[in-house]
Amino acid sequence: MESKNKEVDIDEIFGKLESYFGFVPKIFRVLALNPPALEAYYLKSDVLINDPSLPPLTKEFISIGAASALGAEHCLLTHLKVAREFGASDNELHLAIMMGSLIAETDALAKSFRVYENFLND
């Protein structure tokens, strides 16, 4: 088992992030205040980004849809930029946003209609 006191190479992590995103997202810069937390979050992200089960552009479309559904503006902009670098068209980016937003809307309606139906039946 590795020592908890091992040195975390923040510059190396930042370099890898910059090579993927084109910059170091703020969440990673703030996490760097706690280097072990930065490393843990980065390693999880790196595993998912590099998992060969889905093509990189597909993962970016998923990220765009999720960011849209959650209203995560900074994440959305970041993943739009990366997807564009991977060759996404304007129509594909638009659809990914619409799909994520549709799921968010559907979730809100499903929850609200269940409450409404229970209200009517009480």
PDB file of N, CA and C in Angstrom:
ATOM      1  N   MET A   1       0.843  -1.180   0.000  1.00  0.00           N
ATOM      2  CA  MET A   1       0.000   0.000   0.000  1.00  0.00           C
ATOM      3  C   MET A   1       0.889   1.244   0.000  1.00  0.00           C
ATOM      4  N   GLU A   2       0.498   2.235  -0.803  1.00  0.00           N
ATOM      5  CA  GLU A   2       1.289   3.456  -0.908  1.00  0.00           C
ATOM      6  C   GLU A   2       1.115   4.325   0.331  1.00  0.00           C
ATOM      7  N   SER A   3       2.135   5.079   0.640  1.00  0.00           N
ATOM      8  CA  SER A   3       2.089   5.990   1.768  1.00  0.00           C
ATOM      9  C   SER A   3       1.109   7.128   1.484  1.00  0.00           C
ATOM     10  N   LYS A   4       0.366   7.523   2.518  1.00  0.00           N
ATOM     11  CA  LYS A   4      -0.562   8.648   2.365  1.00  0.00           C
ATOM     12  C   LYS A   4       0.197   9.956   2.203  1.00  0.00           C
ATOM     13  N   ASN A   5       1.472   9.967   2.543  1.00  0.00           N
ATOM     14  CA  ASN A   5       2.259  11.186   2.492  1.00  0.00           C
ATOM     15  C   ASN A   5       3.029  11.336   1.193  1.00  0.00           C
ATOM     16  N   LYS A   6       2.743  10.514   0.200  1.00  0.00           N
ATOM     17  CA  LYS A   6       3.483  10.631  -1.057  1.00  0.00           C
ATOM     18  C   LYS A   6       3.217  11.972  -1.711  1.00  0.00           C
ATOM     19  N   GLU A   7       4.184  12.442  -2.447  1.00  0.00           N
ATOM     20  CA  GLU A   7       4.091  13.741  -3.116  1.00  0.00           C
ATOM     21  C   GLU A   7       3.185  13.631  -4.343  1.00  0.00           C
ATOM     22  N   VAL A   8       2.220  14.522  -4.465  1.00  0.00           N
ATOM     23  CA  VAL A   8       1.334  14.572  -5.618  1.00  0.00           C
ATOM     24  C   VAL A   8       1.928  15.573  -6.604  1.00  0.00           C
ATOM     25  N   ASP A   9       2.113  15.140  -7.846  1.00  0.00           N
ATOM     26  CA  ASP A   9       2.689  16.010  -8.867  1.00  0.00           C
ATOM     27  C   ASP A   9       1.565  16.814  -9.535  1.00  0.00           C
ATOM     28  N   ILE A  10       1.260  17.948  -8.953  1.00  0.00           N
ATOM     29  CA  ILE A  10       0.171  18.804  -9.433  1.00  0.00           C
ATOM     30  C   ILE A  10       0.452  19.275 -10.854  1.00  0.00           C
ATOM     31  N   ASP A  11       1.702  19.644 -11.133  1.00  0.00           N
ATOM     32  CA  ASP A  11       2.047  20.120 -12.480  1.00  0.00           C
ATOM     33  C   ASP A  11       1.799  19.048 -13.533  1.00  0.00           C
ATOM     34  N   GLU A  12       2.110  17.803 -13.201  1.00  0.00           N
ATOM     35  CA  GLU A  12       1.862  16.707 -14.154  1.00  0.00           C
ATOM     36  C   GLU A  12       0.369  16.533 -14.406  1.00  0.00           C
ATOM     37  N   ILE A  13      -0.416  16.568 -13.343  1.00  0.00           N
ATOM     38  CA  ILE A  13      -1.868  16.439 -13.487  1.00  0.00           C
ATOM     39  C   ILE A  13      -2.412  17.598 -14.312  1.00  0.00           C
ATOM     40  N   PHE A  14      -1.984  18.818 -13.990  1.00  0.00           N
ATOM     41  CA  PHE A  14      -2.440  19.978 -14.737  1.00  0.00           C
ATOM     42  C   PHE A  14      -2.046  19.889 -16.203  1.00  0.00           C
ATOM     43  N   GLY A  15      -0.852  19.385 -16.488  1.00  0.00           N
ATOM     44  CA  GLY A  15      -0.413  19.232 -17.872  1.00  0.00           C
ATOM     45  C   GLY A  15      -1.303  18.265 -18.640  1.00  0.00           C
ATOM     46  N   LYS A  16      -1.670  17.167 -18.006  1.00  0.00           N
ATOM     47  CA  LYS A  16      -2.549  16.189 -18.658  1.00  0.00           C
ATOM     48  C   LYS A  16      -3.943  16.774 -18.889  1.00  0.00           C
ATOM     49  N   LEU A  17      -4.437  17.510 -17.901  1.00  0.00           N
ATOM     50  CA  LEU A  17      -5.753  18.139 -18.054  1.00  0.00           C
ATOM     51  C   LEU A  17      -5.737  19.161 -19.173  1.00  0.00           C
ATOM     52  N   GLU A  18      -4.685  19.950 -19.220  1.00  0.00           N
ATOM     53  CA  GLU A  18      -4.585  20.974 -20.261  1.00  0.00           C
ATOM     54  C   GLU A  18      -4.487  20.344 -21.643  1.00  0.00           C
ATOM     55  N   SER A  19      -3.821  19.213 -21.738  1.00  0.00           N
ATOM     56  CA  SER A  19      -3.719  18.574 -23.053  1.00  0.00           C
ATOM     57  C   SER A  19      -5.063  18.019 -23.511  1.00  0.00           C
ATOM     58  N   TYR A  20      -5.938  17.665 -22.585  1.00  0.00           N
ATOM     59  CA  TYR A  20      -7.255  17.146 -22.967  1.00  0.00           C
ATOM     60  C   TYR A  20      -8.269  18.275 -23.174  1.00  0.00           C
ATOM     61  N   PHE A  21      -8.374  19.175 -22.187  1.00  0.00           N
ATOM     62  CA  PHE A  21      -9.397  20.222 -22.230  1.00  0.00           C
ATOM     63  C   PHE A  21      -8.946  21.499 -22.939  1.00  0.00           C
ATOM     64  N   GLY A  22      -7.646  21.688 -23.062  1.00  0.00           N
ATOM     65  CA  GLY A  22      -7.138  22.938 -23.611  1.00  0.00           C
ATOM     66  C   GLY A  22      -6.875  23.966 -22.519  1.00  0.00           C
ATOM     67  N   PHE A  23      -7.226  23.633 -21.307  1.00  0.00           N
ATOM     68  CA  PHE A  23      -6.995  24.470 -20.125  1.00  0.00           C
ATOM     69  C   PHE A  23      -7.222  23.583 -18.906  1.00  0.00           C
ATOM     70  N   VAL A  24      -6.944  24.101 -17.739  1.00  0.00           N
ATOM     71  CA  VAL A  24      -7.196  23.362 -16.502  1.00  0.00           C
ATOM     72  C   VAL A  24      -8.516  23.865 -15.923  1.00  0.00           C
ATOM     73  N   PRO A  25      -9.565  23.032 -15.936  1.00  0.00           N
ATOM     74  CA  PRO A  25     -10.843  23.465 -15.379  1.00  0.00           C
ATOM     75  C   PRO A  25     -10.707  23.907 -13.916  1.00  0.00           C
ATOM     76  N   LYS A  26     -11.494  24.895 -13.550  1.00  0.00           N
ATOM     77  CA  LYS A  26     -11.412  25.492 -12.217  1.00  0.00           C
ATOM     78  C   LYS A  26     -11.549  24.462 -11.109  1.00  0.00           C
ATOM     79  N   ILE A  27     -12.405  23.489 -11.277  1.00  0.00           N
ATOM     80  CA  ILE A  27     -12.601  22.499 -10.211  1.00  0.00           C
ATOM     81  C   ILE A  27     -11.278  21.825  -9.847  1.00  0.00           C
ATOM     82  N   PHE A  28     -10.441  21.565 -10.832  1.00  0.00           N
ATOM     83  CA  PHE A  28      -9.154  20.939 -10.559  1.00  0.00           C
ATOM     84  C   PHE A  28      -8.193  21.928  -9.900  1.00  0.00           C
ATOM     85  N   ARG A  29      -8.250  23.195 -10.308  1.00  0.00           N
ATOM     86  CA  ARG A  29      -7.377  24.207  -9.703  1.00  0.00           C
ATOM     87  C   ARG A  29      -7.713  24.389  -8.223  1.00  0.00           C
ATOM     88  N   VAL A  30      -8.994  24.362  -7.889  1.00  0.00           N
ATOM     89  CA  VAL A  30      -9.379  24.500  -6.490  1.00  0.00           C
ATOM     90  C   VAL A  30      -9.053  23.226  -5.714  1.00  0.00           C
ATOM     91  N   LEU A  31      -9.266  22.076  -6.328  1.00  0.00           N
ATOM     92  CA  LEU A  31      -8.907  20.817  -5.667  1.00  0.00           C
ATOM     93  C   LEU A  31      -7.416  20.740  -5.361  1.00  0.00           C
ATOM     94  N   ALA A  32      -6.602  21.455  -6.111  1.00  0.00           N
ATOM     95  CA  ALA A  32      -5.151  21.434  -5.891  1.00  0.00           C
ATOM     96  C   ALA A  32      -4.780  21.967  -4.509  1.00  0.00           C
ATOM     97  N   LEU A  33      -5.701  22.661  -3.836  1.00  0.00           N
ATOM     98  CA  LEU A  33      -5.450  23.091  -2.467  1.00  0.00           C
ATOM     99  C   LEU A  33      -5.324  21.893  -1.527  1.00  0.00           C
ATOM    100  N   ASN A  34      -5.885  20.766  -1.963  1.00  0.00           N
ATOM    101  CA  ASN A  34      -5.781  19.506  -1.226  1.00  0.00           C
ATOM    102  C   ASN A  34      -5.241  18.474  -2.226  1.00  0.00           C
ATOM    103  N   PRO A  35      -3.930  18.413  -2.396  1.00  0.00           N
ATOM    104  CA  PRO A  35      -3.355  17.565  -3.449  1.00  0.00           C
ATOM    105  C   PRO A  35      -3.841  16.113  -3.478  1.00  0.00           C
ATOM    106  N   PRO A  36      -3.997  15.425  -2.331  1.00  0.00           N
ATOM    107  CA  PRO A  36      -4.521  14.056  -2.415  1.00  0.00           C
ATOM    108  C   PRO A  36      -5.945  13.999  -2.989  1.00  0.00           C
ATOM    109  N   ALA A  37      -6.772  14.998  -2.665  1.00  0.00           N
ATOM    110  CA  ALA A  37      -8.131  15.038  -3.227  1.00  0.00           C
ATOM    111  C   ALA A  37      -8.077  15.305  -4.722  1.00  0.00           C
ATOM    112  N   LEU A  38      -7.189  16.210  -5.134  1.00  0.00           N
ATOM    113  CA  LEU A  38      -6.996  16.476  -6.566  1.00  0.00           C
ATOM    114  C   LEU A  38      -6.614  15.191  -7.283  1.00  0.00           C
ATOM    115  N   GLU A  39      -5.648  14.492  -6.732  1.00  0.00           N
ATOM    116  CA  GLU A  39      -5.177  13.268  -7.373  1.00  0.00           C
ATOM    117  C   GLU A  39      -6.291  12.230  -7.475  1.00  0.00           C
ATOM    118  N   ALA A  40      -7.047  12.052  -6.409  1.00  0.00           N
ATOM    119  CA  ALA A  40      -8.134  11.062  -6.415  1.00  0.00           C
ATOM    120  C   ALA A  40      -9.189  11.405  -7.461  1.00  0.00           C
ATOM    121  N   TYR A  41      -9.593  12.677  -7.510  1.00  0.00           N
ATOM    122  CA  TYR A  41     -10.604  13.098  -8.476  1.00  0.00           C
ATOM    123  C   TYR A  41     -10.070  12.996  -9.902  1.00  0.00           C
ATOM    124  N   TYR A  42      -8.813  13.396 -10.094  1.00  0.00           N
ATOM    125  CA  TYR A  42      -8.204  13.305 -11.417  1.00  0.00           C
ATOM    126  C   TYR A  42      -8.123  11.846 -11.875  1.00  0.00           C
ATOM    127  N   LEU A  43      -7.671  10.951 -10.996  1.00  0.00           N
ATOM    128  CA  LEU A  43      -7.521   9.545 -11.388  1.00  0.00           C
ATOM    129  C   LEU A  43      -8.857   8.940 -11.804  1.00  0.00           C
ATOM    130  N   LYS A  44      -9.927   9.266 -11.074  1.00  0.00           N
ATOM    131  CA  LYS A  44     -11.255   8.777 -11.461  1.00  0.00           C
ATOM    132  C   LYS A  44     -11.645   9.332 -12.824  1.00  0.00           C
ATOM    133  N   SER A  45     -11.440  10.625 -13.014  1.00  0.00           N
ATOM    134  CA  SER A  45     -11.762  11.250 -14.298  1.00  0.00           C
ATOM    135  C   SER A  45     -10.953  10.625 -15.431  1.00  0.00           C
ATOM    136  N   ASP A  46      -9.682  10.411 -15.177  1.00  0.00           N
ATOM    137  CA  ASP A  46      -8.786   9.852 -16.189  1.00  0.00           C
ATOM    138  C   ASP A  46      -9.212   8.442 -16.599  1.00  0.00           C
ATOM    139  N   VAL A  47      -9.619   7.638 -15.623  1.00  0.00           N
ATOM    140  CA  VAL A  47     -10.083   6.276 -15.923  1.00  0.00           C
ATOM    141  C   VAL A  47     -11.300   6.328 -16.844  1.00  0.00           C
ATOM    142  N   LEU A  48     -12.245   7.211 -16.538  1.00  0.00           N
ATOM    143  CA  LEU A  48     -13.460   7.301 -17.348  1.00  0.00           C
ATOM    144  C   LEU A  48     -13.179   7.878 -18.727  1.00  0.00           C
ATOM    145  N   ILE A  49     -12.368   8.925 -18.790  1.00  0.00           N
ATOM    146  CA  ILE A  49     -12.048   9.551 -20.075  1.00  0.00           C
ATOM    147  C   ILE A  49     -11.328   8.571 -20.999  1.00  0.00           C
ATOM    148  N   ASN A  50     -10.478   7.734 -20.424  1.00  0.00           N
ATOM    149  CA  ASN A  50      -9.672   6.824 -21.242  1.00  0.00           C
ATOM    150  C   ASN A  50     -10.252   5.421 -21.379  1.00  0.00           C
ATOM    151  N   ASP A  51     -11.423   5.172 -20.819  1.00  0.00           N
ATOM    152  CA  ASP A  51     -12.058   3.863 -20.969  1.00  0.00           C
ATOM    153  C   ASP A  51     -12.440   3.668 -22.436  1.00  0.00           C
ATOM    154  N   PRO A  52     -11.995   2.574 -23.042  1.00  0.00           N
ATOM    155  CA  PRO A  52     -12.243   2.367 -24.472  1.00  0.00           C
ATOM    156  C   PRO A  52     -13.652   1.878 -24.816  1.00  0.00           C
ATOM    157  N   SER A  53     -14.522   1.709 -23.823  1.00  0.00           N
ATOM    158  CA  SER A  53     -15.860   1.168 -24.092  1.00  0.00           C
ATOM    159  C   SER A  53     -16.702   2.084 -24.975  1.00  0.00           C
ATOM    160  N   LEU A  54     -16.454   3.387 -24.894  1.00  0.00           N
ATOM    161  CA  LEU A  54     -17.162   4.350 -25.743  1.00  0.00           C
ATOM    162  C   LEU A  54     -16.129   5.253 -26.418  1.00  0.00           C
ATOM    163  N   PRO A  55     -16.412   5.672 -27.643  1.00  0.00           N
ATOM    164  CA  PRO A  55     -15.504   6.617 -28.303  1.00  0.00           C
ATOM    165  C   PRO A  55     -15.478   7.951 -27.552  1.00  0.00           C
ATOM    166  N   PRO A  56     -14.356   8.666 -27.626  1.00  0.00           N
ATOM    167  CA  PRO A  56     -14.250   9.948 -26.917  1.00  0.00           C
ATOM    168  C   PRO A  56     -15.373  10.933 -27.239  1.00  0.00           C
ATOM    169  N   LEU A  57     -15.774  11.041 -28.488  1.00  0.00           N
ATOM    170  CA  LEU A  57     -16.825  11.993 -28.834  1.00  0.00           C
ATOM    171  C   LEU A  57     -18.156  11.589 -28.203  1.00  0.00           C
ATOM    172  N   THR A  58     -18.442  10.308 -28.134  1.00  0.00           N
ATOM    173  CA  THR A  58     -19.671   9.848 -27.478  1.00  0.00           C
ATOM    174  C   THR A  58     -19.664  10.252 -26.005  1.00  0.00           C
ATOM    175  N   LYS A  59     -18.522  10.103 -25.342  1.00  0.00           N
ATOM    176  CA  LYS A  59     -18.415  10.503 -23.939  1.00  0.00           C
ATOM    177  C   LYS A  59     -18.639  12.012 -23.793  1.00  0.00           C
ATOM    178  N   GLU A  60     -18.182  12.772 -24.758  1.00  0.00           N
ATOM    179  CA  GLU A  60     -18.398  14.221 -24.708  1.00  0.00           C
ATOM    180  C   GLU A  60     -19.872  14.557 -24.902  1.00  0.00           C
ATOM    181  N   PHE A  61     -20.561  13.840 -25.802  1.00  0.00           N
ATOM    182  CA  PHE A  61     -22.000  14.073 -25.970  1.00  0.00           C
ATOM    183  C   PHE A  61     -22.754  13.753 -24.676  1.00  0.00           C
ATOM    184  N   ILE A  62     -22.361  12.685 -23.998  1.00  0.00           N
ATOM    185  CA  ILE A  62     -22.974  12.344 -22.709  1.00  0.00           C
ATOM    186  C   ILE A  62     -22.722  13.467 -21.710  1.00  0.00           C
ATOM    187  N   SER A  63     -21.500  13.970 -21.684  1.00  0.00           N
ATOM    188  CA  SER A  63     -21.153  15.055 -20.763  1.00  0.00           C
ATOM    189  C   SER A  63     -21.955  16.314 -21.069  1.00  0.00           C
ATOM    190  N   ILE A  64     -22.139  16.607 -22.346  1.00  0.00           N
ATOM    191  CA  ILE A  64     -22.944  17.773 -22.747  1.00  0.00           C
ATOM    192  C   ILE A  64     -24.386  17.597 -22.298  1.00  0.00           C
ATOM    193  N   GLY A  65     -24.947  16.426 -22.515  1.00  0.00           N
ATOM    194  CA  GLY A  65     -26.329  16.172 -22.097  1.00  0.00           C
ATOM    195  C   GLY A  65     -26.487  16.273 -20.590  1.00  0.00           C
ATOM    196  N   ALA A  66     -25.545  15.703 -19.853  1.00  0.00           N
ATOM    197  CA  ALA A  66     -25.621  15.759 -18.395  1.00  0.00           C
ATOM    198  C   ALA A  66     -25.473  17.190 -17.897  1.00  0.00           C
ATOM    199  N   ALA A  67     -24.525  17.924 -18.456  1.00  0.00           N
ATOM    200  CA  ALA A  67     -24.326  19.317 -18.049  1.00  0.00           C
ATOM    201  C   ALA A  67     -25.571  20.146 -18.350  1.00  0.00           C
ATOM    202  N   SER A  68     -26.209  19.869 -19.475  1.00  0.00           N
ATOM    203  CA  SER A  68     -27.443  20.570 -19.825  1.00  0.00           C
ATOM    204  C   SER A  68     -28.546  20.251 -18.822  1.00  0.00           C
ATOM    205  N   ALA A  69     -28.692  18.974 -18.505  1.00  0.00           N
ATOM    206  CA  ALA A  69     -29.735  18.545 -17.575  1.00  0.00           C
ATOM    207  C   ALA A  69     -29.532  19.148 -16.190  1.00  0.00           C
ATOM    208  N   LEU A  70     -28.286  19.277 -15.782  1.00  0.00           N
ATOM    209  CA  LEU A  70     -27.985  19.791 -14.451  1.00  0.00           C
ATOM    210  C   LEU A  70     -27.882  21.314 -14.389  1.00  0.00           C
ATOM    211  N   GLY A  71     -27.875  21.954 -15.555  1.00  0.00           N
ATOM    212  CA  GLY A  71     -27.696  23.402 -15.584  1.00  0.00           C
ATOM    213  C   GLY A  71     -26.278  23.815 -15.222  1.00  0.00           C
ATOM    214  N   ALA A  72     -25.317  22.967 -15.532  1.00  0.00           N
ATOM    215  CA  ALA A  72     -23.912  23.203 -15.198  1.00  0.00           C
ATOM    216  C   ALA A  72     -23.235  23.944 -16.350  1.00  0.00           C
ATOM    217  N   GLU A  73     -23.360  25.258 -16.340  1.00  0.00           N
ATOM    218  CA  GLU A  73     -22.904  26.092 -17.465  1.00  0.00           C
ATOM    219  C   GLU A  73     -21.416  25.934 -17.773  1.00  0.00           C
ATOM    220  N   HIS A  74     -20.578  25.936 -16.745  1.00  0.00           N
ATOM    221  CA  HIS A  74     -19.132  25.839 -16.982  1.00  0.00           C
ATOM    222  C   HIS A  74     -18.768  24.473 -17.571  1.00  0.00           C
ATOM    223  N   CYS A  75     -19.389  23.430 -17.041  1.00  0.00           N
ATOM    224  CA  CYS A  75     -19.142  22.087 -17.574  1.00  0.00           C
ATOM    225  C   CYS A  75     -19.634  21.996 -19.019  1.00  0.00           C
ATOM    226  N   LEU A  76     -20.795  22.569 -19.265  1.00  0.00           N
ATOM    227  CA  LEU A  76     -21.356  22.541 -20.614  1.00  0.00           C
ATOM    228  C   LEU A  76     -20.406  23.206 -21.603  1.00  0.00           C
ATOM    229  N   LEU A  77     -19.938  24.387 -21.280  1.00  0.00           N
ATOM    230  CA  LEU A  77     -19.027  25.086 -22.183  1.00  0.00           C
ATOM    231  C   LEU A  77     -17.738  24.303 -22.400  1.00  0.00           C
ATOM    232  N   THR A  78     -17.203  23.750 -21.338  1.00  0.00           N
ATOM    233  CA  THR A  78     -15.977  22.953 -21.454  1.00  0.00           C
ATOM    234  C   THR A  78     -16.179  21.788 -22.406  1.00  0.00           C
ATOM    235  N   HIS A  79     -17.256  21.037 -22.223  1.00  0.00           N
ATOM    236  CA  HIS A  79     -17.467  19.839 -23.043  1.00  0.00           C
ATOM    237  C   HIS A  79     -17.919  20.176 -24.460  1.00  0.00           C
ATOM    238  N   LEU A  80     -18.570  21.312 -24.651  1.00  0.00           N
ATOM    239  CA  LEU A  80     -18.851  21.774 -26.019  1.00  0.00           C
ATOM    240  C   LEU A  80     -17.538  22.012 -26.767  1.00  0.00           C
ATOM    241  N   LYS A  81     -16.597  22.671 -26.095  1.00  0.00           N
ATOM    242  CA  LYS A  81     -15.302  22.956 -26.725  1.00  0.00           C
ATOM    243  C   LYS A  81     -14.546  21.677 -27.060  1.00  0.00           C
ATOM    244  N   VAL A  82     -14.535  20.727 -26.126  1.00  0.00           N
ATOM    245  CA  VAL A  82     -13.818  19.469 -26.371  1.00  0.00           C
ATOM    246  C   VAL A  82     -14.489  18.689 -27.499  1.00  0.00           C
ATOM    247  N   ALA A  83     -15.811  18.622 -27.476  1.00  0.00           N
ATOM    248  CA  ALA A  83     -16.531  17.906 -28.536  1.00  0.00           C
ATOM    249  C   ALA A  83     -16.260  18.534 -29.896  1.00  0.00           C
ATOM    250  N   ARG A  84     -16.216  19.845 -29.943  1.00  0.00           N
ATOM    251  CA  ARG A  84     -15.910  20.531 -31.205  1.00  0.00           C
ATOM    252  C   ARG A  84     -14.511  20.136 -31.686  1.00  0.00           C
ATOM    253  N   GLU A  85     -13.550  20.059 -30.763  1.00  0.00           N
ATOM    254  CA  GLU A  85     -12.182  19.640 -31.112  1.00  0.00           C
ATOM    255  C   GLU A  85     -12.171  18.208 -31.657  1.00  0.00           C
ATOM    256  N   PHE A  86     -13.091  17.372 -31.167  1.00  0.00           N
ATOM    257  CA  PHE A  86     -13.191  15.984 -31.631  1.00  0.00           C
ATOM    258  C   PHE A  86     -13.991  15.861 -32.917  1.00  0.00           C
ATOM    259  N   GLY A  87     -14.483  16.984 -33.445  1.00  0.00           N
ATOM    260  CA  GLY A  87     -15.159  16.959 -34.732  1.00  0.00           C
ATOM    261  C   GLY A  87     -16.666  17.037 -34.709  1.00  0.00           C
ATOM    262  N   ALA A  88     -17.263  17.350 -33.578  1.00  0.00           N
ATOM    263  CA  ALA A  88     -18.722  17.430 -33.499  1.00  0.00           C
ATOM    264  C   ALA A  88     -19.243  18.594 -34.338  1.00  0.00           C
ATOM    265  N   SER A  89     -20.355  18.349 -34.995  1.00  0.00           N
ATOM    266  CA  SER A  89     -21.007  19.405 -35.787  1.00  0.00           C
ATOM    267  C   SER A  89     -21.913  20.242 -34.883  1.00  0.00           C
ATOM    268  N   ASP A  90     -22.325  21.386 -35.384  1.00  0.00           N
ATOM    269  CA  ASP A  90     -23.262  22.231 -34.641  1.00  0.00           C
ATOM    270  C   ASP A  90     -24.554  21.474 -34.358  1.00  0.00           C
ATOM    271  N   ASN A  91     -25.049  20.716 -35.341  1.00  0.00           N
ATOM    272  CA  ASN A  91     -26.289  19.963 -35.152  1.00  0.00           C
ATOM    273  C   ASN A  91     -26.137  18.901 -34.068  1.00  0.00           C
ATOM    274  N   GLU A  92     -25.000  18.240 -34.020  1.00  0.00           N
ATOM    275  CA  GLU A  92     -24.764  17.222 -32.983  1.00  0.00           C
ATOM    276  C   GLU A  92     -24.696  17.865 -31.600  1.00  0.00           C
ATOM    277  N   LEU A  93     -24.020  18.998 -31.493  1.00  0.00           N
ATOM    278  CA  LEU A  93     -23.930  19.691 -30.209  1.00  0.00           C
ATOM    279  C   LEU A  93     -25.314  20.137 -29.746  1.00  0.00           C
ATOM    280  N   HIS A  94     -26.083  20.686 -30.684  1.00  0.00           N
ATOM    281  CA  HIS A  94     -27.438  21.143 -30.374  1.00  0.00           C
ATOM    282  C   HIS A  94     -28.299  19.981 -29.890  1.00  0.00           C
ATOM    283  N   LEU A  95     -28.229  18.853 -30.578  1.00  0.00           N
ATOM    284  CA  LEU A  95     -29.023  17.687 -30.189  1.00  0.00           C
ATOM    285  C   LEU A  95     -28.619  17.166 -28.816  1.00  0.00           C
ATOM    286  N   ALA A  96     -27.333  17.146 -28.523  1.00  0.00           N
ATOM    287  CA  ALA A  96     -26.880  16.684 -27.208  1.00  0.00           C
ATOM    288  C   ALA A  96     -27.456  17.567 -26.101  1.00  0.00           C
ATOM    289  N   ILE A  97     -27.479  18.875 -26.327  1.00  0.00           N
ATOM    290  CA  ILE A  97     -28.083  19.801 -25.358  1.00  0.00           C
ATOM    291  C   ILE A  97     -29.580  19.524 -25.236  1.00  0.00           C
ATOM    292  N   MET A  98     -30.242  19.362 -26.358  1.00  0.00           N
ATOM    293  CA  MET A  98     -31.693  19.118 -26.341  1.00  0.00           C
ATOM    294  C   MET A  98     -32.033  17.798 -25.642  1.00  0.00           C
ATOM    295  N   MET A  99     -31.241  16.760 -25.871  1.00  0.00           N
ATOM    296  CA  MET A  99     -31.503  15.467 -25.226  1.00  0.00           C
ATOM    297  C   MET A  99     -31.346  15.570 -23.709  1.00  0.00           C
ATOM    298  N   GLY A 100     -30.273  16.218 -23.274  1.00  0.00           N
ATOM    299  CA  GLY A 100     -30.073  16.392 -21.834  1.00  0.00           C
ATOM    300  C   GLY A 100     -31.186  17.204 -21.206  1.00  0.00           C
ATOM    301  N   SER A 101     -31.587  18.270 -21.879  1.00  0.00           N
ATOM    302  CA  SER A 101     -32.656  19.121 -21.367  1.00  0.00           C
ATOM    303  C   SER A 101     -33.990  18.380 -21.349  1.00  0.00           C
ATOM    304  N   LEU A 102     -34.215  17.543 -22.358  1.00  0.00           N
ATOM    305  CA  LEU A 102     -35.442  16.736 -22.403  1.00  0.00           C
ATOM    306  C   LEU A 102     -35.522  15.798 -21.207  1.00  0.00           C
ATOM    307  N   ILE A 103     -34.411  15.160 -20.871  1.00  0.00           N
ATOM    308  CA  ILE A 103     -34.396  14.245 -19.729  1.00  0.00           C
ATOM    309  C   ILE A 103     -34.669  15.013 -18.430  1.00  0.00           C
ATOM    310  N   ALA A 104     -34.072  16.215 -18.294  1.00  0.00           N
ATOM    311  CA  ALA A 104     -34.319  17.023 -17.098  1.00  0.00           C
ATOM    312  C   ALA A 104     -35.787  17.407 -17.007  1.00  0.00           C
ATOM    313  N   GLU A 105     -36.367  17.818 -18.133  1.00  0.00           N
ATOM    314  CA  GLU A 105     -37.782  18.183 -18.151  1.00  0.00           C
ATOM    315  C   GLU A 105     -38.660  16.978 -17.833  1.00  0.00           C
ATOM    316  N   THR A 106     -38.336  15.842 -18.426  1.00  0.00           N
ATOM    317  CA  THR A 106     -39.108  14.623 -18.195  1.00  0.00           C
ATOM    318  C   THR A 106     -39.051  14.214 -16.728  1.00  0.00           C
ATOM    319  N   ASP A 107     -37.882  14.346 -16.118  1.00  0.00           N
ATOM    320  CA  ASP A 107     -37.735  14.023 -14.702  1.00  0.00           C
ATOM    321  C   ASP A 107     -38.618  14.936 -13.852  1.00  0.00           C
ATOM    322  N   ALA A 108     -38.601  16.239 -14.143  1.00  0.00           N
ATOM    323  CA  ALA A 108     -39.428  17.190 -13.390  1.00  0.00           C
ATOM    324  C   ALA A 108     -40.912  16.862 -13.550  1.00  0.00           C
ATOM    325  N   LEU A 109     -41.328  16.562 -14.776  1.00  0.00           N
ATOM    326  CA  LEU A 109     -42.734  16.219 -15.014  1.00  0.00           C
ATOM    327  C   LEU A 109     -43.126  14.922 -14.321  1.00  0.00           C
ATOM    328  N   ALA A 110     -42.263  13.911 -14.419  1.00  0.00           N
ATOM    329  CA  ALA A 110     -42.580  12.619 -13.809  1.00  0.00           C
ATOM    330  C   ALA A 110     -42.760  12.759 -12.296  1.00  0.00           C
ATOM    331  N   LYS A 111     -41.859  13.485 -11.660  1.00  0.00           N
ATOM    332  CA  LYS A 111     -41.976  13.686 -10.212  1.00  0.00           C
ATOM    333  C   LYS A 111     -43.208  14.513  -9.872  1.00  0.00           C
ATOM    334  N   SER A 112     -43.426  15.569 -10.602  1.00  0.00           N
ATOM    335  CA  SER A 112     -44.558  16.456 -10.325  1.00  0.00           C
ATOM    336  C   SER A 112     -45.891  15.767 -10.572  1.00  0.00           C
ATOM    337  N   PHE A 113     -46.002  15.001 -11.643  1.00  0.00           N
ATOM    338  CA  PHE A 113     -47.258  14.313 -11.941  1.00  0.00           C
ATOM    339  C   PHE A 113     -47.561  13.222 -10.921  1.00  0.00           C
ATOM    340  N   ARG A 114     -46.544  12.599 -10.350  1.00  0.00           N
ATOM    341  CA  ARG A 114     -46.782  11.608  -9.300  1.00  0.00           C
ATOM    342  C   ARG A 114     -47.380  12.295  -8.065  1.00  0.00           C
ATOM    343  N   VAL A 115     -46.815  13.440  -7.700  1.00  0.00           N
ATOM    344  CA  VAL A 115     -47.364  14.200  -6.580  1.00  0.00           C
ATOM    345  C   VAL A 115     -48.793  14.630  -6.896  1.00  0.00           C
ATOM    346  N   TYR A 116     -49.006  15.102  -8.115  1.00  0.00           N
ATOM    347  CA  TYR A 116     -50.334  15.548  -8.543  1.00  0.00           C
ATOM    348  C   TYR A 116     -51.348  14.404  -8.476  1.00  0.00           C
ATOM    349  N   GLU A 117     -50.980  13.245  -8.980  1.00  0.00           N
ATOM    350  CA  GLU A 117     -51.894  12.094  -8.936  1.00  0.00           C
ATOM    351  C   GLU A 117     -52.204  11.687  -7.492  1.00  0.00           C
ATOM    352  N   ASN A 118     -51.176  11.682  -6.645  1.00  0.00           N
ATOM    353  CA  ASN A 118     -51.406  11.362  -5.221  1.00  0.00           C
ATOM    354  C   ASN A 118     -52.329  12.404  -4.575  1.00  0.00           C
ATOM    355  N   PHE A 119     -52.124  13.654  -4.921  1.00  0.00           N
ATOM    356  CA  PHE A 119     -52.984  14.736  -4.408  1.00  0.00           C
ATOM    357  C   PHE A 119     -54.437  14.509  -4.815  1.00  0.00           C
ATOM    358  N   LEU A 120     -54.652  14.170  -6.089  1.00  0.00           N
ATOM    359  CA  LEU A 120     -56.023  13.948  -6.575  1.00  0.00           C
ATOM    360  C   LEU A 120     -56.672  12.739  -5.914  1.00  0.00           C
ATOM    361  N   ASN A 121     -55.888  11.749  -5.553  1.00  0.00           N
ATOM    362  CA  ASN A 121     -56.420  10.522  -4.979  1.00  0.00           C
ATOM    363  C   ASN A 121     -56.564  10.562  -3.462  1.00  0.00           C
ATOM    364  N   ASP A 122     -56.131  11.639  -2.834  1.00  0.00           N
ATOM    365  CA  ASP A 122     -56.244  11.750  -1.353  1.00  0.00           C
ATOM    366  C   ASP A 122     -57.605  12.256  -0.956  1.00  0.00           C
TER     367      ASP A 122
END
